[in-house]
Full PDB file with SEQRES, HELIX, SHEET, SSBOND, CRYST1, ORIGX, SCALE, CONECT and MASTER records, all heavy atoms in Angstrom:
SEQRES   1 A   44  ASP GLY LYS TRP ILE ASP GLY SER ALA ILE GLY SER GLY          
SEQRES   2 A   44  PRO PHE ARG LEU LYS GLU TRP VAL LYS ALA GLN TYR VAL          
SEQRES   3 A   44  ALA LEU ASP ARG PHE ASP GLY TYR LYS PRO ILE ALA GLU          
SEQRES   4 A   44  LYS PRO SER GLY PHE                                          
SHEET    1 AA1 2 PHE A  15  VAL A  21  0                                        
SHEET    2 AA1 2 TYR A  25  ARG A  30 -1                                        
CRYST1    1.000    1.000    1.000  90.00  90.00  90.00 P 1           1          
ORIGX1      1.000000  0.000000  0.000000        0.00000                         
ORIGX2      0.000000  1.000000  0.000000        0.00000                         
ORIGX3      0.000000  0.000000  1.000000        0.00000                         
SCALE1      1.000000  0.000000  0.000000        0.00000                         
SCALE2      0.000000  1.000000  0.000000        0.00000                         
SCALE3      0.000000  0.000000  1.000000        0.00000                         
ATOM      1  N   ASP A   1       0.819  -1.218   0.000  1.00  0.00           N  
ATOM      2  CA  ASP A   1       0.000   0.000   0.000  1.00  0.00           C  
ATOM      3  C   ASP A   1       0.849   1.263   0.000  1.00  0.00           C  
ATOM      4  O   ASP A   1       0.328   2.381   0.032  1.00  0.00           O  
ATOM      5  CB  ASP A   1      -0.941   0.009   1.207  1.00  0.00           C  
ATOM      6  CG  ASP A   1      -0.196  -0.062   2.539  1.00  0.00           C  
ATOM      7  OD1 ASP A   1       1.051  -0.150   2.530  1.00  0.00           O  
ATOM      8  OD2 ASP A   1      -0.871  -0.027   3.589  1.00  0.00           O  
ATOM      9  N   GLY A   2       2.176   1.099  -0.024  1.00  0.00           N  
ATOM     10  CA  GLY A   2       3.063   2.254  -0.049  1.00  0.00           C  
ATOM     11  C   GLY A   2       3.345   2.841   1.311  1.00  0.00           C  
ATOM     12  O   GLY A   2       4.059   3.836   1.421  1.00  0.00           O  
ATOM     13  N   LYS A   3       2.822   2.209   2.362  1.00  0.00           N  
ATOM     14  CA  LYS A   3       3.008   2.733   3.714  1.00  0.00           C  
ATOM     15  C   LYS A   3       4.041   1.899   4.473  1.00  0.00           C  
ATOM     16  O   LYS A   3       4.161   0.697   4.253  1.00  0.00           O  
ATOM     17  CB  LYS A   3       1.677   2.739   4.471  1.00  0.00           C  
ATOM     18  CG  LYS A   3       0.642   3.672   3.861  1.00  0.00           C  
ATOM     19  CD  LYS A   3      -0.648   3.665   4.671  1.00  0.00           C  
ATOM     20  CE  LYS A   3      -1.677   4.611   4.066  1.00  0.00           C  
ATOM     21  NZ  LYS A   3      -2.945   4.600   4.833  1.00  0.00           N  
ATOM     22  N   TRP A   4       4.755   2.571   5.373  1.00  0.00           N  
ATOM     23  CA  TRP A   4       5.744   1.894   6.212  1.00  0.00           C  
ATOM     24  C   TRP A   4       5.048   0.840   7.064  1.00  0.00           C  
ATOM     25  O   TRP A   4       4.031   1.112   7.698  1.00  0.00           O  
ATOM     26  CB  TRP A   4       6.447   2.908   7.106  1.00  0.00           C  
ATOM     27  CG  TRP A   4       7.648   2.369   7.834  1.00  0.00           C  
ATOM     28  CD1 TRP A   4       7.665   1.706   9.023  1.00  0.00           C  
ATOM     29  CD2 TRP A   4       9.023   2.461   7.423  1.00  0.00           C  
ATOM     30  NE1 TRP A   4       8.940   1.382   9.382  1.00  0.00           N  
ATOM     31  CE2 TRP A   4       9.803   1.838   8.421  1.00  0.00           C  
ATOM     32  CE3 TRP A   4       9.658   3.018   6.315  1.00  0.00           C  
ATOM     33  CZ2 TRP A   4      11.195   1.758   8.339  1.00  0.00           C  
ATOM     34  CZ3 TRP A   4      11.038   2.937   6.234  1.00  0.00           C  
ATOM     35  CH2 TRP A   4      11.786   2.312   7.224  1.00  0.00           C  
ATOM     36  N   ILE A   5       5.589  -0.365   7.082  1.00  0.00           N  
ATOM     37  CA  ILE A   5       5.025  -1.437   7.899  1.00  0.00           C  
ATOM     38  C   ILE A   5       5.305  -1.138   9.359  1.00  0.00           C  
ATOM     39  O   ILE A   5       6.457  -0.938   9.753  1.00  0.00           O  
ATOM     40  CB  ILE A   5       5.628  -2.793   7.500  1.00  0.00           C  
ATOM     41  CG1 ILE A   5       5.336  -3.088   6.019  1.00  0.00           C  
ATOM     42  CG2 ILE A   5       5.088  -3.912   8.386  1.00  0.00           C  
ATOM     43  CD1 ILE A   5       6.118  -4.264   5.467  1.00  0.00           C  
ATOM     44  N   ASP A   6       4.268  -1.089  10.169  1.00  0.00           N  
ATOM     45  CA  ASP A   6       4.406  -0.709  11.571  1.00  0.00           C  
ATOM     46  C   ASP A   6       5.445  -1.577  12.284  1.00  0.00           C  
ATOM     47  O   ASP A   6       5.344  -2.800  12.289  1.00  0.00           O  
ATOM     48  CB  ASP A   6       3.058  -0.826  12.287  1.00  0.00           C  
ATOM     49  CG  ASP A   6       3.111  -0.282  13.704  1.00  0.00           C  
ATOM     50  OD1 ASP A   6       3.776   0.757  13.907  1.00  0.00           O  
ATOM     51  OD2 ASP A   6       2.501  -0.885  14.598  1.00  0.00           O  
ATOM     52  N   GLY A   7       6.442  -0.928  12.866  1.00  0.00           N  
ATOM     53  CA  GLY A   7       7.469  -1.647  13.614  1.00  0.00           C  
ATOM     54  C   GLY A   7       8.583  -2.232  12.774  1.00  0.00           C  
ATOM     55  O   GLY A   7       9.538  -2.808  13.309  1.00  0.00           O  
ATOM     56  N   SER A   8       8.501  -2.112  11.454  1.00  0.00           N  
ATOM     57  CA  SER A   8       9.549  -2.652  10.588  1.00  0.00           C  
ATOM     58  C   SER A   8      10.801  -1.784  10.693  1.00  0.00           C  
ATOM     59  O   SER A   8      10.720  -0.562  10.798  1.00  0.00           O  
ATOM     60  CB  SER A   8       9.068  -2.695   9.144  1.00  0.00           C  
ATOM     61  OG  SER A   8      10.046  -3.277   8.303  1.00  0.00           O  
ATOM     62  N   ALA A   9      11.975  -2.438  10.651  1.00  0.00           N  
ATOM     63  CA  ALA A   9      13.236  -1.688  10.774  1.00  0.00           C  
ATOM     64  C   ALA A   9      14.360  -2.478  10.112  1.00  0.00           C  
ATOM     65  O   ALA A   9      15.288  -2.945  10.777  1.00  0.00           O  
ATOM     66  CB  ALA A   9      13.561  -1.406  12.235  1.00  0.00           C  
ATOM     67  N   ILE A  10      14.287  -2.632   8.803  1.00  0.00           N  
ATOM     68  CA  ILE A  10      15.322  -3.354   8.065  1.00  0.00           C  
ATOM     69  C   ILE A  10      16.354  -2.344   7.588  1.00  0.00           C  
ATOM     70  O   ILE A  10      16.123  -1.587   6.642  1.00  0.00           O  
ATOM     71  CB  ILE A  10      14.731  -4.114   6.860  1.00  0.00           C  
ATOM     72  CG1 ILE A  10      13.580  -5.021   7.298  1.00  0.00           C  
ATOM     73  CG2 ILE A  10      15.822  -4.932   6.172  1.00  0.00           C  
ATOM     74  CD1 ILE A  10      12.811  -5.629   6.132  1.00  0.00           C  
ATOM     75  N   GLY A  11      17.489  -2.311   8.276  1.00  0.00           N  
ATOM     76  CA  GLY A  11      18.542  -1.375   7.939  1.00  0.00           C  
ATOM     77  C   GLY A  11      19.822  -2.091   7.589  1.00  0.00           C  
ATOM     78  O   GLY A  11      19.836  -3.314   7.380  1.00  0.00           O  
ATOM     79  N   SER A  12      20.915  -1.342   7.541  1.00  0.00           N  
ATOM     80  CA  SER A  12      22.218  -1.924   7.226  1.00  0.00           C  
ATOM     81  C   SER A  12      23.225  -1.692   8.344  1.00  0.00           C  
ATOM     82  O   SER A  12      24.421  -1.886   8.162  1.00  0.00           O  
ATOM     83  CB  SER A  12      22.764  -1.311   5.926  1.00  0.00           C  
ATOM     84  OG  SER A  12      22.935   0.093   6.075  1.00  0.00           O  
ATOM     85  N   GLY A  13      22.752  -1.250   9.508  1.00  0.00           N  
ATOM     86  CA  GLY A  13      23.632  -0.920  10.619  1.00  0.00           C  
ATOM     87  C   GLY A  13      24.134  -2.127  11.379  1.00  0.00           C  
ATOM     88  O   GLY A  13      23.801  -3.276  11.062  1.00  0.00           O  
ATOM     89  N   PRO A  14      24.934  -1.908  12.417  1.00  0.00           N  
ATOM     90  CA  PRO A  14      25.570  -2.998  13.158  1.00  0.00           C  
ATOM     91  C   PRO A  14      24.617  -3.811  14.035  1.00  0.00           C  
ATOM     92  O   PRO A  14      24.964  -4.893  14.492  1.00  0.00           O  
ATOM     93  CB  PRO A  14      26.608  -2.281  14.007  1.00  0.00           C  
ATOM     94  CG  PRO A  14      26.039  -0.911  14.205  1.00  0.00           C  
ATOM     95  CD  PRO A  14      25.341  -0.587  12.916  1.00  0.00           C  
ATOM     96  N   PHE A  15      23.411  -3.281  14.266  1.00  0.00           N  
ATOM     97  CA  PHE A  15      22.425  -4.005  15.071  1.00  0.00           C  
ATOM     98  C   PHE A  15      21.098  -4.078  14.323  1.00  0.00           C  
ATOM     99  O   PHE A  15      20.741  -3.166  13.589  1.00  0.00           O  
ATOM    100  CB  PHE A  15      22.216  -3.310  16.423  1.00  0.00           C  
ATOM    101  CG  PHE A  15      23.410  -3.394  17.327  1.00  0.00           C  
ATOM    102  CD1 PHE A  15      24.333  -2.359  17.364  1.00  0.00           C  
ATOM    103  CD2 PHE A  15      23.619  -4.501  18.122  1.00  0.00           C  
ATOM    104  CE1 PHE A  15      25.446  -2.425  18.184  1.00  0.00           C  
ATOM    105  CE2 PHE A  15      24.729  -4.584  18.948  1.00  0.00           C  
ATOM    106  CZ  PHE A  15      25.654  -3.541  18.980  1.00  0.00           C  
ATOM    107  N   ARG A  16      20.397  -5.162  14.541  1.00  0.00           N  
ATOM    108  CA  ARG A  16      19.066  -5.340  13.951  1.00  0.00           C  
ATOM    109  C   ARG A  16      18.021  -5.343  15.064  1.00  0.00           C  
ATOM    110  O   ARG A  16      18.307  -5.717  16.215  1.00  0.00           O  
ATOM    111  CB  ARG A  16      18.996  -6.642  13.160  1.00  0.00           C  
ATOM    112  CG  ARG A  16      19.111  -7.894  13.997  1.00  0.00           C  
ATOM    113  CD  ARG A  16      18.698  -9.126  13.201  1.00  0.00           C  
ATOM    114  NE  ARG A  16      19.755  -9.595  12.318  1.00  0.00           N  
ATOM    115  CZ  ARG A  16      19.525 -10.277  11.213  1.00  0.00           C  
ATOM    116  NH1 ARG A  16      18.290 -10.547  10.843  1.00  0.00           N  
ATOM    117  NH2 ARG A  16      20.531 -10.711  10.484  1.00  0.00           N  
ATOM    118  N   LEU A  17      16.821  -4.914  14.716  1.00  0.00           N  
ATOM    119  CA  LEU A  17      15.736  -4.885  15.689  1.00  0.00           C  
ATOM    120  C   LEU A  17      15.270  -6.305  15.985  1.00  0.00           C  
ATOM    121  O   LEU A  17      14.902  -7.056  15.088  1.00  0.00           O  
ATOM    122  CB  LEU A  17      14.561  -4.065  15.149  1.00  0.00           C  
ATOM    123  CG  LEU A  17      13.330  -3.980  16.059  1.00  0.00           C  
ATOM    124  CD1 LEU A  17      13.652  -3.263  17.366  1.00  0.00           C  
ATOM    125  CD2 LEU A  17      12.184  -3.262  15.333  1.00  0.00           C  
ATOM    126  N   LYS A  18      15.284  -6.662  17.262  1.00  0.00           N  
ATOM    127  CA  LYS A  18      14.769  -7.962  17.688  1.00  0.00           C  
ATOM    128  C   LYS A  18      13.330  -7.830  18.179  1.00  0.00           C  
ATOM    129  O   LYS A  18      12.443  -8.578  17.768  1.00  0.00           O  
ATOM    130  CB  LYS A  18      15.639  -8.544  18.803  1.00  0.00           C  
ATOM    131  CG  LYS A  18      15.128  -9.870  19.331  1.00  0.00           C  
ATOM    132  CD  LYS A  18      15.965 -10.383  20.499  1.00  0.00           C  
ATOM    133  CE  LYS A  18      15.436 -11.711  21.026  1.00  0.00           C  
ATOM    134  NZ  LYS A  18      16.242 -12.185  22.196  1.00  0.00           N  
ATOM    135  N   GLU A  19      13.101  -6.849  19.052  1.00  0.00           N  
ATOM    136  CA  GLU A  19      11.769  -6.720  19.659  1.00  0.00           C  
ATOM    137  C   GLU A  19      11.593  -5.306  20.207  1.00  0.00           C  
ATOM    138  O   GLU A  19      12.505  -4.727  20.780  1.00  0.00           O  
ATOM    139  CB  GLU A  19      11.624  -7.736  20.796  1.00  0.00           C  
ATOM    140  CG  GLU A  19      10.256  -7.778  21.438  1.00  0.00           C  
ATOM    141  CD  GLU A  19      10.170  -8.806  22.560  1.00  0.00           C  
ATOM    142  OE1 GLU A  19      11.234  -9.123  23.150  1.00  0.00           O  
ATOM    143  OE2 GLU A  19       9.064  -9.281  22.845  1.00  0.00           O  
ATOM    144  N   TRP A  20      10.414  -4.776  19.994  1.00  0.00           N  
ATOM    145  CA  TRP A  20      10.036  -3.499  20.588  1.00  0.00           C  
ATOM    146  C   TRP A  20       8.753  -3.710  21.381  1.00  0.00           C  
ATOM    147  O   TRP A  20       7.693  -3.907  20.809  1.00  0.00           O  
ATOM    148  CB  TRP A  20       9.852  -2.445  19.502  1.00  0.00           C  
ATOM    149  CG  TRP A  20       9.332  -1.115  19.993  1.00  0.00           C  
ATOM    150  CD1 TRP A  20       9.329  -0.633  21.274  1.00  0.00           C  
ATOM    151  CD2 TRP A  20       8.723  -0.091  19.197  1.00  0.00           C  
ATOM    152  NE1 TRP A  20       8.782   0.616  21.334  1.00  0.00           N  
ATOM    153  CE2 TRP A  20       8.401   0.979  20.074  1.00  0.00           C  
ATOM    154  CE3 TRP A  20       8.443   0.036  17.831  1.00  0.00           C  
ATOM    155  CZ2 TRP A  20       7.775   2.144  19.613  1.00  0.00           C  
ATOM    156  CZ3 TRP A  20       7.835   1.195  17.380  1.00  0.00           C  
ATOM    157  CH2 TRP A  20       7.506   2.244  18.266  1.00  0.00           C  
ATOM    158  N   VAL A  21       8.878  -3.697  22.696  1.00  0.00           N  
ATOM    159  CA  VAL A  21       7.710  -3.780  23.570  1.00  0.00           C  
ATOM    160  C   VAL A  21       7.418  -2.349  24.019  1.00  0.00           C  
ATOM    161  O   VAL A  21       8.165  -1.780  24.822  1.00  0.00           O  
ATOM    162  CB  VAL A  21       7.969  -4.696  24.782  1.00  0.00           C  
ATOM    163  CG1 VAL A  21       6.739  -4.719  25.690  1.00  0.00           C  
ATOM    164  CG2 VAL A  21       8.312  -6.104  24.313  1.00  0.00           C  
ATOM    165  N   LYS A  22       6.385  -1.781  23.467  1.00  0.00           N  
ATOM    166  CA  LYS A  22       6.127  -0.359  23.661  1.00  0.00           C  
ATOM    167  C   LYS A  22       5.994   0.002  25.136  1.00  0.00           C  
ATOM    168  O   LYS A  22       5.370  -0.714  25.915  1.00  0.00           O  
ATOM    169  CB  LYS A  22       4.883   0.051  22.876  1.00  0.00           C  
ATOM    170  CG  LYS A  22       5.094  -0.060  21.368  1.00  0.00           C  
ATOM    171  CD  LYS A  22       3.938   0.476  20.556  1.00  0.00           C  
ATOM    172  CE  LYS A  22       4.259   0.381  19.056  1.00  0.00           C  
ATOM    173  NZ  LYS A  22       3.178   0.930  18.206  1.00  0.00           N  
ATOM    174  N   ALA A  23       6.634   1.125  25.459  1.00  0.00           N  
ATOM    175  CA  ALA A  23       6.664   1.686  26.808  1.00  0.00           C  
ATOM    176  C   ALA A  23       7.515   0.864  27.771  1.00  0.00           C  
ATOM    177  O   ALA A  23       7.585   1.186  28.953  1.00  0.00           O  
ATOM    178  CB  ALA A  23       5.263   1.869  27.377  1.00  0.00           C  
ATOM    179  N   GLN A  24       8.190  -0.200  27.261  1.00  0.00           N  
ATOM    180  CA  GLN A  24       9.028  -1.014  28.140  1.00  0.00           C  
ATOM    181  C   GLN A  24      10.478  -1.070  27.667  1.00  0.00           C  
ATOM    182  O   GLN A  24      11.380  -0.653  28.393  1.00  0.00           O  
ATOM    183  CB  GLN A  24       8.461  -2.427  28.256  1.00  0.00           C  
ATOM    184  CG  GLN A  24       7.091  -2.489  28.925  1.00  0.00           C  
ATOM    185  CD  GLN A  24       6.625  -3.914  29.130  1.00  0.00           C  
ATOM    186  OE1 GLN A  24       7.388  -4.785  29.556  1.00  0.00           O  
ATOM    187  NE2 GLN A  24       5.363  -4.169  28.808  1.00  0.00           N  
ATOM    188  N   TYR A  25      10.711  -1.570  26.457  1.00  0.00           N  
ATOM    189  CA  TYR A  25      12.094  -1.672  25.996  1.00  0.00           C  
ATOM    190  C   TYR A  25      12.153  -1.881  24.488  1.00  0.00           C  
ATOM    191  O   TYR A  25      11.170  -2.256  23.844  1.00  0.00           O  
ATOM    192  CB  TYR A  25      12.831  -2.817  26.702  1.00  0.00           C  
ATOM    193  CG  TYR A  25      12.280  -4.201  26.424  1.00  0.00           C  
ATOM    194  CD1 TYR A  25      12.658  -4.920  25.284  1.00  0.00           C  
ATOM    195  CD2 TYR A  25      11.370  -4.805  27.295  1.00  0.00           C  
ATOM    196  CE1 TYR A  25      12.149  -6.186  25.021  1.00  0.00           C  
ATOM    197  CE2 TYR A  25      10.861  -6.073  27.048  1.00  0.00           C  
ATOM    198  CZ  TYR A  25      11.252  -6.752  25.913  1.00  0.00           C  
ATOM    199  OH  TYR A  25      10.750  -8.005  25.645  1.00  0.00           O  
ATOM    200  N   VAL A  26      13.362  -1.611  23.950  1.00  0.00           N  
ATOM    201  CA  VAL A  26      13.673  -1.927  22.560  1.00  0.00           C  
ATOM    202  C   VAL A  26      14.909  -2.825  22.598  1.00  0.00           C  
ATOM    203  O   VAL A  26      15.948  -2.428  23.134  1.00  0.00           O  
ATOM    204  CB  VAL A  26      13.975  -0.669  21.724  1.00  0.00           C  
ATOM    205  CG1 VAL A  26      14.261  -1.051  20.273  1.00  0.00           C  
ATOM    206  CG2 VAL A  26      12.814   0.318  21.800  1.00  0.00           C  
ATOM    207  N   ALA A  27      14.786  -4.042  22.063  1.00  0.00           N  
ATOM    208  CA  ALA A  27      15.879  -5.009  22.093  1.00  0.00           C  
ATOM    209  C   ALA A  27      16.499  -5.153  20.706  1.00  0.00           C  
ATOM    210  O   ALA A  27      15.786  -5.317  19.708  1.00  0.00           O  
ATOM    211  CB  ALA A  27      15.377  -6.365  22.585  1.00  0.00           C  
ATOM    212  N   LEU A  28      17.824  -5.095  20.654  1.00  0.00           N  
ATOM    213  CA  LEU A  28      18.569  -5.230  19.401  1.00  0.00           C  
ATOM    214  C   LEU A  28      19.534  -6.401  19.487  1.00  0.00           C  
ATOM    215  O   LEU A  28      20.031  -6.723  20.570  1.00  0.00           O  
ATOM    216  CB  LEU A  28      19.367  -3.955  19.100  1.00  0.00           C  
ATOM    217  CG  LEU A  28      18.660  -2.598  19.205  1.00  0.00           C  
ATOM    218  CD1 LEU A  28      19.645  -1.488  18.883  1.00  0.00           C  
ATOM    219  CD2 LEU A  28      17.460  -2.541  18.285  1.00  0.00           C  
ATOM    220  N   ASP A  29      19.811  -7.018  18.353  1.00  0.00           N  
ATOM    221  CA  ASP A  29      20.825  -8.068  18.250  1.00  0.00           C  
ATOM    222  C   ASP A  29      21.926  -7.608  17.304  1.00  0.00           C  
ATOM    223  O   ASP A  29      21.658  -6.899  16.322  1.00  0.00           O  
ATOM    224  CB  ASP A  29      20.218  -9.371  17.693  1.00  0.00           C  
ATOM    225  CG  ASP A  29      19.354 -10.092  18.710  1.00  0.00           C  
ATOM    226  OD1 ASP A  29      19.452  -9.785  19.908  1.00  0.00           O  
ATOM    227  OD2 ASP A  29      18.544 -10.954  18.284  1.00  0.00           O  
ATOM    228  N   ARG A  30      23.154  -8.045  17.583  1.00  0.00           N  
ATOM    229  CA  ARG A  30      24.249  -7.702  16.678  1.00  0.00           C  
ATOM    230  C   ARG A  30      24.005  -8.334  15.317  1.00  0.00           C  
ATOM    231  O   ARG A  30      23.588  -9.490  15.218  1.00  0.00           O  
ATOM    232  CB  ARG A  30      25.579  -8.193  17.251  1.00  0.00           C  
ATOM    233  CG  ARG A  30      26.781  -7.742  16.404  1.00  0.00           C  
ATOM    234  CD  ARG A  30      28.115  -8.172  16.981  1.00  0.00           C  
ATOM    235  NE  ARG A  30      28.279  -9.616  16.909  1.00  0.00           N  
ATOM    236  CZ  ARG A  30      28.561 -10.393  17.945  1.00  0.00           C  
ATOM    237  NH1 ARG A  30      28.703  -9.849  19.147  1.00  0.00           N  
ATOM    238  NH2 ARG A  30      28.690 -11.687  17.807  1.00  0.00           N  
ATOM    239  N   PHE A  31      24.259  -7.560  14.251  1.00  0.00           N  
ATOM    240  CA  PHE A  31      24.103  -8.048  12.886  1.00  0.00           C  
ATOM    241  C   PHE A  31      25.459  -8.549  12.406  1.00  0.00           C  
ATOM    242  O   PHE A  31      26.363  -7.767  12.117  1.00  0.00           O  
ATOM    243  CB  PHE A  31      23.584  -6.927  11.990  1.00  0.00           C  
ATOM    244  CG  PHE A  31      23.511  -7.281  10.531  1.00  0.00           C  
ATOM    245  CD1 PHE A  31      22.990  -8.505  10.112  1.00  0.00           C  
ATOM    246  CD2 PHE A  31      23.951  -6.379   9.568  1.00  0.00           C  
ATOM    247  CE1 PHE A  31      22.923  -8.832   8.763  1.00  0.00           C  
ATOM    248  CE2 PHE A  31      23.886  -6.691   8.218  1.00  0.00           C  
ATOM    249  CZ  PHE A  31      23.373  -7.926   7.818  1.00  0.00           C  
ATOM    250  N   ASP A  32      25.597  -9.866  12.324  1.00  0.00           N  
ATOM    251  CA  ASP A  32      26.892 -10.450  11.972  1.00  0.00           C  
ATOM    252  C   ASP A  32      27.263 -10.234  10.508  1.00  0.00           C  
ATOM    253  O   ASP A  32      28.415 -10.462  10.127  1.00  0.00           O  
ATOM    254  CB  ASP A  32      26.901 -11.941  12.316  1.00  0.00           C  
ATOM    255  CG  ASP A  32      26.904 -12.186  13.825  1.00  0.00           C  
ATOM    256  OD1 ASP A  32      27.473 -11.345  14.538  1.00  0.00           O  
ATOM    257  OD2 ASP A  32      26.333 -13.185  14.279  1.00  0.00           O  
ATOM    258  N   GLY A  33      26.307  -9.804   9.689  1.00  0.00           N  
ATOM    259  CA  GLY A  33      26.607  -9.536   8.288  1.00  0.00           C  
ATOM    260  C   GLY A  33      27.151  -8.137   8.042  1.00  0.00           C  
ATOM    261  O   GLY A  33      27.436  -7.772   6.895  1.00  0.00           O  
ATOM    262  N   TYR A  34      27.336  -7.374   9.118  1.00  0.00           N  
ATOM    263  CA  TYR A  34      27.818  -6.005   8.972  1.00  0.00           C  
ATOM    264  C   TYR A  34      29.313  -5.991   8.661  1.00  0.00           C  
ATOM    265  O   TYR A  34      30.113  -6.608   9.355  1.00  0.00           O  
ATOM    266  CB  TYR A  34      27.561  -5.212  10.252  1.00  0.00           C  
ATOM    267  CG  TYR A  34      27.987  -3.770  10.169  1.00  0.00           C  
ATOM    268  CD1 TYR A  34      27.196  -2.838   9.519  1.00  0.00           C  
ATOM    269  CD2 TYR A  34      29.190  -3.347  10.729  1.00  0.00           C  
ATOM    270  CE1 TYR A  34      27.584  -1.508   9.425  1.00  0.00           C  
ATOM    271  CE2 TYR A  34      29.584  -2.020  10.643  1.00  0.00           C  
ATOM    272  CZ  TYR A  34      28.778  -1.106   9.996  1.00  0.00           C  
ATOM    273  OH  TYR A  34      29.172   0.203   9.900  1.00  0.00           O  
ATOM    274  N   LYS A  35      29.686  -5.293   7.615  1.00  0.00           N  
ATOM    275  CA  LYS A  35      31.091  -5.159   7.237  1.00  0.00           C  
ATOM    276  C   LYS A  35      31.509  -3.704   7.434  1.00  0.00           C  
ATOM    277  O   LYS A  35      31.113  -2.825   6.662  1.00  0.00           O  
ATOM    278  CB  LYS A  35      31.312  -5.585   5.787  1.00  0.00           C  
ATOM    279  CG  LYS A  35      31.052  -7.067   5.558  1.00  0.00           C  
ATOM    280  CD  LYS A  35      31.358  -7.479   4.128  1.00  0.00           C  
ATOM    281  CE  LYS A  35      31.111  -8.975   3.928  1.00  0.00           C  
ATOM    282  NZ  LYS A  35      31.401  -9.400   2.533  1.00  0.00           N  
ATOM    283  N   PRO A  36      32.308  -3.428   8.471  1.00  0.00           N  
ATOM    284  CA  PRO A  36      32.652  -2.046   8.806  1.00  0.00           C  
ATOM    285  C   PRO A  36      33.586  -1.397   7.798  1.00  0.00           C  
ATOM    286  O   PRO A  36      34.314  -2.074   7.068  1.00  0.00           O  
ATOM    287  CB  PRO A  36      33.328  -2.170  10.170  1.00  0.00           C  
ATOM    288  CG  PRO A  36      33.903  -3.549  10.179  1.00  0.00           C  
ATOM    289  CD  PRO A  36      32.913  -4.389   9.412  1.00  0.00           C  
ATOM    290  N   ILE A  37      33.548  -0.097   7.777  1.00  0.00           N  
ATOM    291  CA  ILE A  37      34.446   0.682   6.947  1.00  0.00           C  
ATOM    292  C   ILE A  37      35.829   0.698   7.592  1.00  0.00           C  
ATOM    293  O   ILE A  37      35.966   0.435   8.794  1.00  0.00           O  
ATOM    294  CB  ILE A  37      33.877   2.108   6.777  1.00  0.00           C  
ATOM    295  CG1 ILE A  37      34.368   2.747   5.487  1.00  0.00           C  
ATOM    296  CG2 ILE A  37      34.175   2.974   7.989  1.00  0.00           C  
ATOM    297  CD1 ILE A  37      33.550   3.953   5.086  1.00  0.00           C  
ATOM    298  N   ALA A  38      36.843   1.032   6.816  1.00  0.00           N  
ATOM    299  CA  ALA A  38      38.218   0.973   7.335  1.00  0.00           C  
ATOM    300  C   ALA A  38      38.509   2.074   8.345  1.00  0.00           C  
ATOM    301  O   ALA A  38      39.306   1.877   9.271  1.00  0.00           O  
ATOM    302  CB  ALA A  38      39.206   1.051   6.174  1.00  0.00           C  
ATOM    303  N   GLU A  39      37.880   3.240   8.211  1.00  0.00           N  
ATOM    304  CA  GLU A  39      38.178   4.359   9.112  1.00  0.00           C  
ATOM    305  C   GLU A  39      37.796   4.022  10.549  1.00  0.00           C  
ATOM    306  O   GLU A  39      36.738   3.445  10.812  1.00  0.00           O  
ATOM    307  CB  GLU A  39      37.442   5.624   8.660  1.00  0.00           C  
ATOM    308  CG  GLU A  39      37.718   6.830   9.547  1.00  0.00           C  
ATOM    309  CD  GLU A  39      37.115   8.107   9.019  1.00  0.00           C  
ATOM    310  OE1 GLU A  39      37.299   8.419   7.819  1.00  0.00           O  
ATOM    311  OE2 GLU A  39      36.464   8.824   9.800  1.00  0.00           O  
ATOM    312  N   LYS A  40      38.645   4.406  11.488  1.00  0.00           N  
ATOM    313  CA  LYS A  40      38.374   4.114  12.889  1.00  0.00           C  
ATOM    314  C   LYS A  40      37.108   4.834  13.352  1.00  0.00           C  
ATOM    315  O   LYS A  40      36.747   5.896  12.811  1.00  0.00           O  
ATOM    316  CB  LYS A  40      39.565   4.520  13.760  1.00  0.00           C  
ATOM    317  CG  LYS A  40      39.832   6.015  13.800  1.00  0.00           C  
ATOM    318  CD  LYS A  40      41.023   6.313  14.699  1.00  0.00           C  
ATOM    319  CE  LYS A  40      41.284   7.827  14.777  1.00  0.00           C  
ATOM    320  NZ  LYS A  40      42.430   8.134  15.654  1.00  0.00           N  
ATOM    321  N   PRO A  41      36.422   4.310  14.344  1.00  0.00           N  
ATOM    322  CA  PRO A  41      35.177   4.928  14.809  1.00  0.00           C  
ATOM    323  C   PRO A  41      35.440   6.273  15.478  1.00  0.00           C  
ATOM    324  O   PRO A  41      36.402   6.434  16.233  1.00  0.00           O  
ATOM    325  CB  PRO A  41      34.618   3.915  15.808  1.00  0.00           C  
ATOM    326  CG  PRO A  41      35.801   3.125  16.267  1.00  0.00           C  
ATOM    327  CD  PRO A  41      36.724   3.064  15.085  1.00  0.00           C  
ATOM    328  N   SER A  42      34.582   7.237  15.197  1.00  0.00           N  
ATOM    329  CA  SER A  42      34.660   8.553  15.816  1.00  0.00           C  
ATOM    330  C   SER A  42      33.295   9.192  15.705  1.00  0.00           C  
ATOM    331  O   SER A  42      32.801   9.427  14.607  1.00  0.00           O  
ATOM    332  CB  SER A  42      35.707   9.422  15.119  1.00  0.00           C  
ATOM    333  OG  SER A  42      35.773  10.705  15.708  1.00  0.00           O  
ATOM    334  N   GLY A  43      32.659   9.454  16.834  1.00  0.00           N  
ATOM    335  CA  GLY A  43      31.308   9.984  16.803  1.00  0.00           C  
ATOM    336  C   GLY A  43      30.373   9.025  16.101  1.00  0.00           C  
ATOM    337  O   GLY A  43      30.334   7.828  16.405  1.00  0.00           O  
ATOM    338  N   PHE A  44      29.637   9.522  15.119  1.00  0.00           N  
ATOM    339  CA  PHE A  44      28.732   8.669  14.340  1.00  0.00           C  
ATOM    340  C   PHE A  44      29.340   8.307  12.996  1.00  0.00           C  
ATOM    341  O   PHE A  44      28.646   7.821  12.110  1.00  0.00           O  
ATOM    342  CB  PHE A  44      27.392   9.387  14.141  1.00  0.00           C  
ATOM    343  CG  PHE A  44      26.339   8.985  15.140  1.00  0.00           C  
ATOM    344  CD1 PHE A  44      26.677   8.508  16.387  1.00  0.00           C  
ATOM    345  CD2 PHE A  44      24.993   9.087  14.836  1.00  0.00           C  
ATOM    346  CE1 PHE A  44      25.717   8.149  17.318  1.00  0.00           C  
ATOM    347  CE2 PHE A  44      24.007   8.714  15.741  1.00  0.00           C  
ATOM    348  CZ  PHE A  44      24.379   8.247  16.985  1.00  0.00           C  
TER     349      PHE A  44                                                      
MASTER        0    0    0    0    2    0    0    6  348    1    0    4          
END                                                                             
């Protein structure tokens, strides 16, 4: 329908969304398919 699927969060970052229990917590799991850039981490 062209609308964002409620609660969907498919990104390319180092963590993936596991569970969002509203008003309680947001749980993330490490994404093992993440391939970091060569530059050392600094800020974002």
